[in-house]
Amino acid sequence: MDDLSDTKIRNAALADKEYALADGHGLSLVVRPNGTKLWLYRYRVGGRRKNMSFGIFPRVGLKAAREKRRDAEKLLDQGQDPVAVREAKRQEDEKLKRTFRVVGEEWVTTKLANENKAKATIKRERWNLTQLNREIGDRPLCEIAPPELLTAFRRAEARGRYYTVGRLRSTASRVFQFGVGASYCNNDPTRDLKHALTKAPKGNPRPALTEPDEVGELMRRIEVYDAKNGGLVRYALKLIALTMVRPGELRLAEWVEFNEQNQIWVIPAEKMKMRDGHEVPLSRQALAILAELRPLTGGGRYLFSHDDDVPMSDNTINKALRIMGYDTGPGGDHCAHGFRSTASTLLNEEGVFDGDVVEAQLAHETDEKKRRRRNEVMRRQLAKGDKNKIRGIYNRAAYWSERVRLMQHWADRLDRLRKEPALPLLKSA
């Protein structure tokens, strides 16, 4: 007959030191000095003595503890270690909790954040994850197989979203690779889908006007654009045309970044695509826009904001261009990013400034496999990076005066295009 009884358990609960009350079959109630009462099952496996906890009394009663002991004995009869079996089940349960949604969020908030990725990049990846979560978000990462992913991607393909499918596959692959590294899964199933998905047609570059007369017409439409809040969007359109910056850099422009006395806009590295700080010389026309903007937003943080702490929407400029009659989509007429291509094309056609000066002001990263880098003057004016940091620092200073002249020349050119029909190209000196 078992030595362990409800009476002995109640008496043990009053103890102020450790007791081990056994039932004669390996089950004990251990009462710790702090009053905690723990069920332990003592057994031997492979010649070794081991203990297995069954929980805290009275949360786990005597009957439940004995049932757990019987289950453990059955495993021992089968030659299995009850503790090892329980640990394997716990790990399996943990894996099932690691859904694609959970791991995707962990990837964004840890790895991407630690790598100091741009806010725009993180935002784009979160959007991709939202789309993926609709299909596989609640599925355990370790159980997602290629056929399941293929079914999800094919739904997007059926809508003609080939570019989207490519981006979703890339994001999913990064989540799975993160999961492999963290031991949440064993492989990346997206690798097996490379040849199963329809290739997207070759992409069109962002649309941009490159004919002088068309650029002049655009500037005339901007001049009379009837924007709200005192013409805030109109000023944004003018400034992005004058400064050659990316739409995100303009949208997040803060007043503290502008030194109007020294005629310079210093964009912090964290706001730049290539994570390299960029300086934009301010033409007379750009300074005039800042002077007109100050009464509107000078008391706040951002140049273009309807609220002191909330920047202009990232779609505002493209929306304004569409209102003015321009198609901003792929293969269309002109988009917010197109102002950069407009400047690059017209300035390089003139030949007044070395191509590298233009590249520098646009802050581009040139693909060396496709073409040699142009000289650093142009690279710095396009805000492109230079892998040789010492040379980059030297060239940044050495070509500054040319970039200043370039920006004023471009502002004057836009004024002429706005006021008159297209003028003949200036000849290179």
Protein backbone atom coordinates (compact mmCIF):
# COMPACT_ATOMS: atom_id res chain seq x y z
CA MET A 1 0.00 0.00 0.00
CA ASP A 2 1.28 3.50 -0.80
CA ASP A 3 2.93 5.30 2.12
CA LEU A 4 1.93 8.71 0.71
CA SER A 5 -1.50 9.92 1.91
CA ASP A 6 -3.51 13.11 1.93
CA THR A 7 -2.98 13.33 5.69
CA LYS A 8 0.81 13.17 5.36
CA ILE A 9 0.65 15.77 2.58
CA ARG A 10 -1.33 18.16 4.82
CA ASN A 11 1.14 17.61 7.66
CA ALA A 12 4.06 18.24 5.29
CA ALA A 13 2.54 21.55 4.30
CA LEU A 14 3.07 22.73 7.90
CA ALA A 15 6.76 21.85 7.91
CA ASP A 16 9.45 24.50 8.13
CA LYS A 17 12.18 22.26 6.72
CA GLU A 18 12.59 19.95 3.73
CA TYR A 19 10.76 16.63 3.76
CA ALA A 20 10.59 13.90 1.17
CA LEU A 21 7.44 11.83 1.57
CA ALA A 22 7.55 8.73 -0.67
CA ASP A 23 4.70 6.56 -1.90
CA GLY A 24 6.91 3.52 -2.30
CA HIS A 25 6.95 3.63 -6.11
CA GLY A 26 9.43 6.45 -6.75
CA LEU A 27 6.97 9.32 -6.30
CA SER A 28 7.88 11.87 -3.64
CA LEU A 29 6.53 15.17 -2.39
CA VAL A 30 9.51 17.34 -1.55
CA VAL A 31 8.72 20.25 0.77
CA ARG A 32 11.32 22.99 0.45
CA PRO A 33 12.35 25.28 3.32
CA ASN A 34 10.41 28.13 1.66
CA GLY A 35 7.22 26.06 1.83
CA THR A 36 7.08 25.10 -1.87
CA LYS A 37 5.87 21.52 -2.36
CA LEU A 38 7.22 19.82 -5.47
CA TRP A 39 6.34 16.42 -6.92
CA LEU A 40 9.43 14.41 -7.94
CA TYR A 41 9.64 11.07 -9.64
CA ARG A 42 12.92 9.23 -9.03
CA TYR A 43 13.94 6.59 -11.55
CA ARG A 44 16.90 4.91 -13.23
CA VAL A 45 17.68 4.76 -16.94
CA GLY A 46 20.83 3.46 -18.54
CA GLY A 47 22.25 2.80 -15.08
CA ARG A 48 21.89 6.46 -14.09
CA ARG A 49 19.63 7.87 -11.40
CA LYS A 50 17.42 10.73 -12.57
CA ASN A 51 14.65 12.96 -11.22
CA MET A 52 11.55 14.16 -13.05
CA SER A 53 9.36 16.97 -11.78
CA PHE A 54 5.58 16.60 -12.01
CA GLY A 55 4.67 20.08 -10.82
CA ILE A 56 3.75 22.02 -7.69
CA PHE A 57 1.29 20.82 -5.05
CA PRO A 58 -1.61 21.59 -4.66
CA ARG A 59 -1.83 22.76 -8.28
CA VAL A 60 -1.03 19.16 -9.17
CA GLY A 61 -2.87 16.81 -6.83
CA LEU A 62 -1.92 13.33 -5.67
CA LYS A 63 -4.09 11.59 -8.29
CA ALA A 64 -2.67 13.63 -11.16
CA ALA A 65 0.89 13.06 -9.94
CA ARG A 66 0.35 9.29 -9.88
CA GLU A 67 -1.04 9.39 -13.43
CA LYS A 68 2.07 11.21 -14.58
CA ARG A 69 4.20 8.58 -12.86
CA ARG A 70 2.34 5.77 -14.65
CA ASP A 71 2.91 7.52 -18.00
CA ALA A 72 6.62 7.80 -17.21
CA GLU A 73 6.78 4.13 -16.27
CA LYS A 74 5.27 3.16 -19.65
CA LEU A 75 8.03 5.08 -21.42
CA LEU A 76 10.65 3.36 -19.27
CA ASP A 77 9.16 -0.02 -20.21
CA GLN A 78 9.64 1.00 -23.87
CA GLY A 79 13.29 1.87 -23.21
CA GLN A 80 12.76 5.64 -23.40
CA ASP A 81 13.88 8.32 -20.98
CA PRO A 82 10.74 10.23 -19.78
CA VAL A 83 12.71 13.47 -19.28
CA ALA A 84 14.20 13.28 -22.79
CA VAL A 85 10.78 12.59 -24.29
CA ARG A 86 9.25 15.53 -22.45
CA GLU A 87 12.08 17.87 -23.52
CA ALA A 88 11.67 16.81 -27.15
CA LYS A 89 7.96 17.54 -26.95
CA ARG A 90 8.65 20.93 -25.35
CA GLN A 91 11.03 21.85 -28.17
CA GLU A 92 8.49 20.73 -30.75
CA ASP A 93 5.82 22.86 -29.08
CA GLU A 94 8.20 25.84 -29.12
CA LYS A 95 8.77 25.34 -32.83
CA LEU A 96 5.04 25.34 -33.42
CA LYS A 97 4.82 28.68 -31.64
CA ARG A 98 7.45 30.12 -34.01
CA THR A 99 5.07 31.05 -36.77
CA PHE A 100 6.16 32.94 -39.87
CA ARG A 101 4.50 36.04 -38.45
CA VAL A 102 6.41 35.83 -35.16
CA VAL A 103 9.79 35.12 -36.77
CA GLY A 104 9.24 37.79 -39.40
CA GLU A 105 8.63 40.40 -36.71
CA GLU A 106 11.69 39.22 -34.80
CA TRP A 107 13.78 39.52 -37.97
CA VAL A 108 12.61 43.10 -38.58
CA THR A 109 12.98 44.32 -35.01
CA THR A 110 16.36 42.71 -34.31
CA LYS A 111 18.44 42.05 -37.41
CA LEU A 112 17.27 44.92 -39.63
CA ALA A 113 17.30 47.41 -36.75
CA ASN A 114 20.80 46.35 -35.71
CA GLU A 115 22.03 46.72 -39.27
CA ASN A 116 20.86 50.35 -39.26
CA LYS A 117 18.69 49.88 -42.33
CA ALA A 118 16.89 52.92 -43.69
CA LYS A 119 13.40 53.58 -42.40
CA ALA A 120 12.12 53.26 -45.96
CA THR A 121 13.71 49.80 -46.24
CA ILE A 122 12.16 48.62 -42.99
CA LYS A 123 8.81 50.04 -44.03
CA ARG A 124 8.99 48.21 -47.35
CA GLU A 125 9.91 44.92 -45.66
CA ARG A 126 7.05 45.30 -43.20
CA TRP A 127 4.67 45.81 -46.10
CA ASN A 128 5.99 42.64 -47.75
CA LEU A 129 5.58 40.74 -44.48
CA THR A 130 1.98 41.94 -44.20
CA GLN A 131 1.23 40.45 -47.60
CA LEU A 132 2.97 37.18 -46.72
CA ASN A 133 1.24 36.95 -43.34
CA ARG A 134 -2.12 36.85 -45.07
CA GLU A 135 -1.10 33.55 -46.62
CA ILE A 136 1.36 31.87 -44.22
CA GLY A 137 1.56 34.14 -41.17
CA ASP A 138 0.03 31.66 -38.74
CA ARG A 139 1.88 28.62 -40.04
CA PRO A 140 4.84 27.27 -38.03
CA LEU A 141 8.01 28.31 -39.81
CA CYS A 142 9.45 24.80 -39.64
CA GLU A 143 6.42 23.29 -41.38
CA ILE A 144 6.17 25.59 -44.41
CA ALA A 145 7.12 23.67 -47.54
CA PRO A 146 7.79 24.86 -51.13
CA PRO A 147 4.35 23.78 -52.49
CA GLU A 148 2.59 25.90 -49.88
CA LEU A 149 4.71 28.93 -50.72
CA LEU A 150 4.19 28.37 -54.42
CA THR A 151 0.42 28.40 -53.95
CA ALA A 152 0.66 31.71 -52.09
CA PHE A 153 2.90 33.29 -54.75
CA ARG A 154 0.74 32.02 -57.61
CA ARG A 155 -2.20 34.04 -56.27
CA ALA A 156 -0.16 37.20 -56.77
CA GLU A 157 1.01 35.99 -60.17
CA ALA A 158 -2.60 35.47 -61.24
CA ARG A 159 -3.14 39.21 -60.73
CA GLY A 160 -0.12 40.02 -62.89
CA ARG A 161 1.96 41.17 -59.90
CA TYR A 162 5.22 39.63 -61.08
CA TYR A 163 7.42 42.29 -59.52
CA THR A 164 5.56 41.92 -56.24
CA VAL A 165 6.08 38.16 -56.28
CA GLY A 166 9.82 38.67 -56.68
CA ARG A 167 9.95 41.05 -53.74
CA LEU A 168 7.80 38.77 -51.58
CA ARG A 169 10.00 35.79 -52.37
CA SER A 170 13.11 37.78 -51.42
CA THR A 171 11.60 38.89 -48.11
CA ALA A 172 10.37 35.38 -47.30
CA SER A 173 13.82 33.99 -48.08
CA ARG A 174 15.46 36.42 -45.66
CA VAL A 175 13.00 35.40 -42.91
CA PHE A 176 13.71 31.69 -43.49
CA GLN A 177 17.47 32.27 -43.53
CA PHE A 178 17.13 34.17 -40.26
CA GLY A 179 15.11 31.23 -38.92
CA VAL A 180 17.80 28.73 -39.95
CA GLY A 181 20.43 30.75 -38.11
CA ALA A 182 18.24 30.90 -35.01
CA SER A 183 17.42 27.15 -35.21
CA TYR A 184 13.73 27.83 -35.82
CA CYS A 185 13.78 25.83 -39.06
CA ASN A 186 16.19 23.70 -41.06
CA ASN A 187 16.10 25.21 -44.54
CA ASP A 188 14.90 27.98 -46.83
CA PRO A 189 12.06 26.56 -48.97
CA THR A 190 12.04 29.60 -51.28
CA ARG A 191 15.25 28.37 -52.94
CA ASP A 192 13.32 25.56 -54.63
CA LEU A 193 10.90 28.02 -56.25
CA LYS A 194 13.35 29.94 -58.40
CA HIS A 195 12.38 28.17 -61.61
CA ALA A 196 8.74 27.59 -60.69
CA LEU A 197 7.73 31.26 -60.74
CA THR A 198 7.10 33.40 -63.80
CA LYS A 199 9.87 35.90 -64.42
CA ALA A 200 8.81 39.51 -64.35
CA PRO A 201 9.31 41.41 -67.60
CA LYS A 202 12.34 43.67 -67.68
CA GLY A 203 11.49 46.66 -65.57
CA ASN A 204 11.08 50.14 -66.95
CA PRO A 205 13.15 52.88 -65.30
CA ARG A 206 11.29 55.44 -63.25
CA PRO A 207 9.54 57.78 -65.69
CA ALA A 208 11.18 61.16 -66.21
CA LEU A 209 10.82 64.01 -68.66
CA THR A 210 14.06 64.58 -70.56
CA GLU A 211 13.01 66.85 -73.43
CA PRO A 212 13.75 70.52 -72.59
CA ASP A 213 10.40 71.82 -73.83
CA GLU A 214 8.52 69.21 -71.81
CA VAL A 215 10.54 70.07 -68.70
CA GLY A 216 9.68 73.74 -69.25
CA GLU A 217 5.99 72.87 -69.46
CA LEU A 218 6.27 70.89 -66.22
CA MET A 219 7.85 73.83 -64.43
CA ARG A 220 5.07 76.13 -65.70
CA ARG A 221 2.42 73.73 -64.38
CA ILE A 222 4.19 73.60 -61.02
CA GLU A 223 4.27 77.37 -60.87
CA VAL A 224 0.47 77.58 -61.00
CA TYR A 225 -0.30 74.38 -59.09
CA ASP A 226 -3.13 75.20 -56.66
CA ALA A 227 -1.96 73.34 -53.58
CA LYS A 228 -3.51 73.71 -50.15
CA ASN A 229 -1.93 75.20 -47.02
CA GLY A 230 -0.32 78.17 -48.71
CA GLY A 231 1.19 76.24 -51.59
CA LEU A 232 3.22 73.82 -49.46
CA VAL A 233 3.20 71.08 -52.10
CA ARG A 234 4.07 73.60 -54.80
CA TYR A 235 7.15 74.60 -52.84
CA ALA A 236 8.07 70.93 -52.43
CA LEU A 237 7.82 70.39 -56.19
CA LYS A 238 10.02 73.40 -56.86
CA LEU A 239 12.64 72.43 -54.30
CA ILE A 240 12.95 68.81 -55.42
CA ALA A 241 13.50 70.03 -58.99
CA LEU A 242 16.19 72.47 -57.83
CA THR A 243 18.08 70.22 -55.40
CA MET A 244 18.13 66.84 -57.25
CA VAL A 245 17.48 64.96 -53.99
CA ARG A 246 15.47 61.77 -53.61
CA PRO A 247 11.79 62.17 -52.64
CA GLY A 248 12.37 60.66 -49.19
CA GLU A 249 15.22 63.05 -48.47
CA LEU A 250 13.01 66.01 -49.37
CA ARG A 251 9.99 64.70 -47.45
CA LEU A 252 12.04 64.27 -44.27
CA ALA A 253 14.01 67.53 -44.63
CA GLU A 254 14.28 69.36 -41.29
CA TRP A 255 14.94 73.02 -40.71
CA VAL A 256 18.01 72.28 -38.57
CA GLU A 257 19.70 70.76 -41.64
CA PHE A 258 19.69 74.07 -43.53
CA ASN A 259 22.37 76.73 -43.15
CA GLU A 260 21.00 79.56 -45.25
CA GLN A 261 23.86 81.88 -44.38
CA ASN A 262 26.39 79.44 -45.85
CA GLN A 263 23.93 78.38 -48.56
CA ILE A 264 24.06 74.65 -47.81
CA TRP A 265 21.72 71.81 -46.91
CA VAL A 266 23.49 69.01 -44.98
CA ILE A 267 21.55 65.74 -45.13
CA PRO A 268 22.52 63.32 -42.30
CA ALA A 269 23.93 59.92 -43.27
CA GLU A 270 21.01 58.02 -41.74
CA LYS A 271 18.62 59.66 -44.21
CA MET A 272 20.71 58.81 -47.26
CA LYS A 273 20.30 55.65 -49.32
CA MET A 274 24.04 54.90 -49.25
CA ARG A 275 24.42 55.85 -45.56
CA ASP A 276 26.86 58.63 -46.41
CA GLY A 277 26.15 62.22 -45.41
CA HIS A 278 25.41 64.50 -48.36
CA GLU A 279 25.78 68.25 -48.88
CA VAL A 280 23.53 70.15 -51.26
CA PRO A 281 24.62 73.65 -52.36
CA LEU A 282 21.61 75.99 -52.28
CA SER A 283 21.02 78.19 -55.29
CA ARG A 284 19.47 81.67 -55.01
CA GLN A 285 16.17 80.18 -56.14
CA ALA A 286 16.29 77.49 -53.44
CA LEU A 287 17.08 80.09 -50.75
CA ALA A 288 14.10 82.14 -51.93
CA ILE A 289 11.83 79.13 -51.46
CA LEU A 290 13.14 78.62 -47.92
CA ALA A 291 12.43 82.28 -47.14
CA GLU A 292 8.82 81.87 -48.31
CA LEU A 293 8.43 78.60 -46.42
CA ARG A 294 9.57 79.86 -43.02
CA PRO A 295 6.33 81.71 -42.22
CA LEU A 296 4.45 78.50 -43.02
CA THR A 297 6.46 75.75 -41.28
CA GLY A 298 9.52 77.43 -39.76
CA GLY A 299 8.18 76.93 -36.25
CA GLY A 300 8.07 73.17 -36.65
CA ARG A 301 10.52 70.36 -37.30
CA TYR A 302 9.99 69.60 -40.97
CA LEU A 303 10.00 71.89 -43.99
CA PHE A 304 6.99 70.16 -45.47
CA SER A 305 4.51 69.26 -42.77
CA HIS A 306 0.91 69.97 -41.90
CA ASP A 307 1.75 68.97 -38.33
CA ASP A 308 4.95 69.96 -36.49
CA ASP A 309 6.03 66.34 -35.90
CA VAL A 310 4.55 64.59 -38.96
CA PRO A 311 6.34 64.94 -42.32
CA MET A 312 4.57 65.18 -45.63
CA SER A 313 3.22 61.88 -46.99
CA ASP A 314 5.56 59.92 -49.25
CA ASN A 315 2.93 59.93 -52.00
CA THR A 316 2.17 63.64 -51.95
CA ILE A 317 4.47 64.70 -54.79
CA ASN A 318 3.38 61.90 -57.10
CA LYS A 319 -0.25 62.68 -56.35
CA ALA A 320 0.33 66.32 -57.29
CA LEU A 321 2.00 65.27 -60.54
CA ARG A 322 -0.97 63.06 -61.39
CA ILE A 323 -3.34 65.96 -60.72
CA MET A 324 -1.27 68.01 -63.15
CA GLY A 325 -1.83 65.31 -65.77
CA TYR A 326 1.34 63.22 -65.56
CA ASP A 327 1.35 59.42 -65.40
CA THR A 328 3.73 58.53 -62.54
CA GLY A 329 3.62 54.75 -63.02
CA PRO A 330 6.17 52.53 -64.79
CA GLY A 331 6.38 53.51 -68.43
CA GLY A 332 4.53 56.75 -67.69
CA ASP A 333 5.51 60.40 -68.02
CA HIS A 334 7.21 61.64 -64.89
CA CYS A 335 7.40 60.84 -61.17
CA ALA A 336 8.87 62.35 -58.01
CA HIS A 337 12.11 60.43 -58.44
CA GLY A 338 12.22 61.44 -62.09
CA PHE A 339 13.45 64.95 -61.26
CA ARG A 340 16.87 63.39 -60.67
CA SER A 341 16.93 61.73 -64.09
CA THR A 342 15.76 64.98 -65.66
CA ALA A 343 18.66 66.90 -64.15
CA SER A 344 21.19 64.19 -64.96
CA THR A 345 20.10 63.89 -68.60
CA LEU A 346 19.93 67.61 -69.40
CA LEU A 347 23.14 68.50 -67.58
CA ASN A 348 25.12 65.69 -69.18
CA GLU A 349 23.77 66.63 -72.60
CA GLU A 350 25.02 70.19 -72.12
CA GLY A 351 28.52 69.06 -71.34
CA VAL A 352 29.28 72.22 -69.36
CA PHE A 353 30.12 70.20 -66.25
CA ASP A 354 32.04 66.98 -65.97
CA GLY A 355 29.73 63.99 -65.65
CA ASP A 356 31.21 63.05 -62.29
CA VAL A 357 30.14 66.38 -60.83
CA VAL A 358 26.55 65.61 -61.72
CA GLU A 359 26.87 62.07 -60.34
CA ALA A 360 28.27 63.37 -57.07
CA GLN A 361 25.38 65.79 -56.63
CA LEU A 362 22.88 62.99 -57.25
CA ALA A 363 24.49 60.77 -54.57
CA HIS A 364 24.42 57.69 -56.78
CA GLU A 365 26.22 54.39 -56.24
CA THR A 366 27.67 53.46 -59.63
CA ASP A 367 27.73 49.81 -60.69
CA GLU A 368 31.40 49.30 -61.48
CA LYS A 369 30.66 46.11 -63.39
CA LYS A 370 28.67 48.06 -65.97
CA ARG A 371 30.80 51.15 -66.36
CA ARG A 372 33.77 52.88 -64.83
CA ARG A 373 33.14 55.43 -62.18
CA ARG A 374 33.11 58.94 -63.39
CA ASN A 375 35.34 61.42 -61.61
CA GLU A 376 34.52 62.27 -58.01
CA VAL A 377 33.26 65.78 -58.71
CA MET A 378 30.18 64.42 -60.42
CA ARG A 379 29.88 61.56 -57.95
CA ARG A 380 29.82 63.85 -54.95
CA GLN A 381 27.28 66.20 -56.48
CA LEU A 382 25.01 63.16 -57.00
CA ALA A 383 25.86 61.99 -53.49
CA LYS A 384 27.28 58.70 -54.69
CA GLY A 385 29.51 56.69 -52.45
CA ASP A 386 33.20 56.02 -52.87
CA LYS A 387 34.74 52.85 -51.46
CA ASN A 388 38.04 54.72 -51.03
CA LYS A 389 37.08 56.85 -48.02
CA ILE A 390 40.25 58.95 -47.99
CA ARG A 391 39.89 59.77 -51.68
CA GLY A 392 36.22 60.51 -51.09
CA ILE A 393 36.98 63.03 -48.35
CA TYR A 394 39.61 64.73 -50.52
CA ASN A 395 37.41 64.89 -53.59
CA ARG A 396 34.44 66.14 -51.61
CA ALA A 397 36.40 69.25 -50.69
CA ALA A 398 38.24 69.53 -54.00
CA TYR A 399 35.11 69.63 -56.16
CA TRP A 400 32.83 71.62 -53.90
CA SER A 401 33.17 74.87 -55.84
CA GLU A 402 32.18 73.10 -59.06
CA ARG A 403 29.10 71.63 -57.41
CA VAL A 404 28.11 75.09 -56.18
CA ARG A 405 28.36 76.40 -59.73
CA LEU A 406 26.49 73.35 -61.03
CA MET A 407 23.50 73.88 -58.75
CA GLN A 408 23.18 77.57 -59.59
CA HIS A 409 23.53 76.77 -63.28
CA TRP A 410 20.76 74.17 -63.02
CA ALA A 411 18.43 76.56 -61.17
CA ASP A 412 18.98 79.22 -63.84
CA ARG A 413 18.39 76.65 -66.57
CA LEU A 414 15.05 75.66 -65.03
CA ASP A 415 14.06 79.33 -64.88
CA ARG A 416 14.84 79.75 -68.58
CA LEU A 417 12.94 76.59 -69.50
CA ARG A 418 9.92 77.78 -67.52
CA LYS A 419 9.86 81.22 -69.13
CA GLU A 420 10.82 80.46 -72.72
CA PRO A 421 10.65 77.76 -75.40
CA ALA A 422 13.47 75.23 -75.38
CA LEU A 423 16.87 76.88 -75.89
CA PRO A 424 19.74 75.38 -77.88
CA LEU A 425 22.16 73.35 -75.78
CA LEU A 426 25.14 75.24 -74.44
CA LYS A 427 28.41 74.17 -75.95
CA SER A 428 31.08 72.63 -73.80
CA ALA A 429 34.04 74.91 -73.24
